[in-house]
Amino acid sequence: MMPAHEAGHEWIYRVTALADPPESKYVLAPYEAQSLTRRLRNVGYEAQVARVPATAFVLISDEELDALVVSADNEPGSTR
């Protein structure tokens, strides 16, 4: 399991392979990062999930996460 806190800092995770330009970041809790990575791999998409400090990020809804998975499934880079 990915730790949510380390050395007094709160950490979040973002999917770097699916993120828009760097100023657009997706906030994911540790369990969400694990779940999204697993879901993307299930549709043949290898995502990069990065741990970053939890500052200046945009919240993402479950519906937006679902849309990311659907989008990844339709990407030319998908291994399906």
C-alpha atoms as a PDB file:
ATOM      1  CA  MET A   1       0.000   0.000   0.000  1.00  0.00           C
ATOM      2  CA  MET A   2       1.215   3.498  -0.794  1.00  0.00           C
ATOM      3  CA  PRO A   3       1.595   5.682   2.321  1.00  0.00           C
ATOM      4  CA  ALA A   4      -0.613   8.775   2.384  1.00  0.00           C
ATOM      5  CA  HIS A   5       1.776  10.662   4.660  1.00  0.00           C
ATOM      6  CA  GLU A   6       5.542  10.587   4.806  1.00  0.00           C
ATOM      7  CA  ALA A   7       7.865  12.813   6.830  1.00  0.00           C
ATOM      8  CA  GLY A   8       5.020  15.149   7.756  1.00  0.00           C
ATOM      9  CA  HIS A   9       3.973  15.773   4.152  1.00  0.00           C
ATOM     10  CA  GLU A  10       0.680  14.795   2.607  1.00  0.00           C
ATOM     11  CA  TRP A  11       1.218  13.055  -0.718  1.00  0.00           C
ATOM     12  CA  ILE A  12      -1.149  12.531  -3.600  1.00  0.00           C
ATOM     13  CA  TYR A  13      -0.759  10.671  -6.862  1.00  0.00           C
ATOM     14  CA  ARG A  14      -1.391  11.679 -10.435  1.00  0.00           C
ATOM     15  CA  VAL A  15      -1.519   9.793 -13.688  1.00  0.00           C
ATOM     16  CA  THR A  16       1.235  11.413 -15.719  1.00  0.00           C
ATOM     17  CA  ALA A  17       0.687   9.548 -18.978  1.00  0.00           C
ATOM     18  CA  LEU A  18      -2.919  10.746 -19.190  1.00  0.00           C
ATOM     19  CA  ALA A  19      -2.508  14.202 -17.675  1.00  0.00           C
ATOM     20  CA  ASP A  20      -3.051  17.245 -19.833  1.00  0.00           C
ATOM     21  CA  PRO A  21      -0.308  19.915 -19.819  1.00  0.00           C
ATOM     22  CA  PRO A  22       1.625  20.050 -16.524  1.00  0.00           C
ATOM     23  CA  GLU A  23      -0.623  22.764 -15.119  1.00  0.00           C
ATOM     24  CA  SER A  24      -3.552  20.311 -15.258  1.00  0.00           C
ATOM     25  CA  LYS A  25      -3.036  17.659 -12.607  1.00  0.00           C
ATOM     26  CA  TYR A  26      -5.320  14.973 -11.230  1.00  0.00           C
ATOM     27  CA  VAL A  27      -5.532  14.451  -7.472  1.00  0.00           C
ATOM     28  CA  LEU A  28      -5.630  10.820  -6.419  1.00  0.00           C
ATOM     29  CA  ALA A  29      -5.569   9.311  -2.965  1.00  0.00           C
ATOM     30  CA  PRO A  30      -3.264   6.282  -2.604  1.00  0.00           C
ATOM     31  CA  TYR A  31      -6.093   3.748  -3.002  1.00  0.00           C
ATOM     32  CA  GLU A  32      -7.432   5.666  -6.029  1.00  0.00           C
ATOM     33  CA  ALA A  33      -4.004   5.629  -7.668  1.00  0.00           C
ATOM     34  CA  GLN A  34      -3.734   1.875  -7.202  1.00  0.00           C
ATOM     35  CA  SER A  35      -7.269   1.324  -8.460  1.00  0.00           C
ATOM     36  CA  LEU A  36      -6.885   3.561 -11.520  1.00  0.00           C
ATOM     37  CA  THR A  37      -3.538   2.002 -12.451  1.00  0.00           C
ATOM     38  CA  ARG A  38      -5.079  -1.474 -12.225  1.00  0.00           C
ATOM     39  CA  ARG A  39      -8.134  -0.424 -14.269  1.00  0.00           C
ATOM     40  CA  LEU A  40      -5.962   1.127 -16.978  1.00  0.00           C
ATOM     41  CA  ARG A  41      -3.779  -1.986 -17.176  1.00  0.00           C
ATOM     42  CA  ASN A  42      -6.940  -4.063 -17.559  1.00  0.00           C
ATOM     43  CA  VAL A  43      -7.684  -2.158 -20.780  1.00  0.00           C
ATOM     44  CA  GLY A  44      -4.086  -2.500 -21.970  1.00  0.00           C
ATOM     45  CA  TYR A  45      -2.819   0.977 -21.070  1.00  0.00           C
ATOM     46  CA  GLU A  46       0.388   1.333 -19.056  1.00  0.00           C
ATOM     47  CA  ALA A  47      -0.028   4.541 -17.085  1.00  0.00           C
ATOM     48  CA  GLN A  48       2.660   6.292 -15.097  1.00  0.00           C
ATOM     49  CA  VAL A  49       1.488   7.198 -11.607  1.00  0.00           C
ATOM     50  CA  ALA A  50       3.650   9.763  -9.841  1.00  0.00           C
ATOM     51  CA  ARG A  51       3.662  10.673  -6.159  1.00  0.00           C
ATOM     52  CA  VAL A  52       3.760  14.416  -5.635  1.00  0.00           C
ATOM     53  CA  PRO A  53       3.163  16.832  -2.722  1.00  0.00           C
ATOM     54  CA  ALA A  54      -0.511  17.623  -2.221  1.00  0.00           C
ATOM     55  CA  THR A  55      -0.472  21.314  -3.170  1.00  0.00           C
ATOM     56  CA  ALA A  56      -2.150  23.272  -5.963  1.00  0.00           C
ATOM     57  CA  PHE A  57      -4.005  20.373  -7.548  1.00  0.00           C
ATOM     58  CA  VAL A  58      -7.439  20.131  -9.098  1.00  0.00           C
ATOM     59  CA  LEU A  59      -9.884  17.621  -7.639  1.00  0.00           C
ATOM     60  CA  ILE A  60     -11.138  14.945 -10.033  1.00  0.00           C
ATOM     61  CA  SER A  61     -14.477  13.184  -9.754  1.00  0.00           C
ATOM     62  CA  ASP A  62     -15.220   9.474 -10.140  1.00  0.00           C
ATOM     63  CA  GLU A  63     -16.927  10.278 -13.449  1.00  0.00           C
ATOM     64  CA  GLU A  64     -13.761  11.964 -14.718  1.00  0.00           C
ATOM     65  CA  LEU A  65     -11.700   8.923 -13.667  1.00  0.00           C
ATOM     66  CA  ASP A  66     -14.120   6.692 -15.571  1.00  0.00           C
ATOM     67  CA  ALA A  67     -13.747   8.938 -18.625  1.00  0.00           C
ATOM     68  CA  LEU A  68      -9.939   8.639 -18.404  1.00  0.00           C
ATOM     69  CA  VAL A  69     -10.186   4.841 -18.510  1.00  0.00           C
ATOM     70  CA  VAL A  70     -12.576   4.938 -21.486  1.00  0.00           C
ATOM     71  CA  SER A  71     -10.262   7.400 -23.249  1.00  0.00           C
ATOM     72  CA  ALA A  72      -7.225   5.180 -22.593  1.00  0.00           C
ATOM     73  CA  ASP A  73      -9.090   2.176 -23.977  1.00  0.00           C
ATOM     74  CA  ASN A  74      -9.642   4.098 -27.237  1.00  0.00           C
ATOM     75  CA  GLU A  75      -6.059   5.426 -27.528  1.00  0.00           C
ATOM     76  CA  PRO A  76      -3.810   4.190 -30.344  1.00  0.00           C
ATOM     77  CA  GLY A  77      -1.145   3.410 -27.694  1.00  0.00           C
ATOM     78  CA  SER A  78      -3.411   0.821 -26.094  1.00  0.00           C
ATOM     79  CA  THR A  79      -2.022  -2.719 -26.256  1.00  0.00           C
ATOM     80  CA  ARG A  80      -5.442  -4.187 -27.012  1.00  0.00           C
END
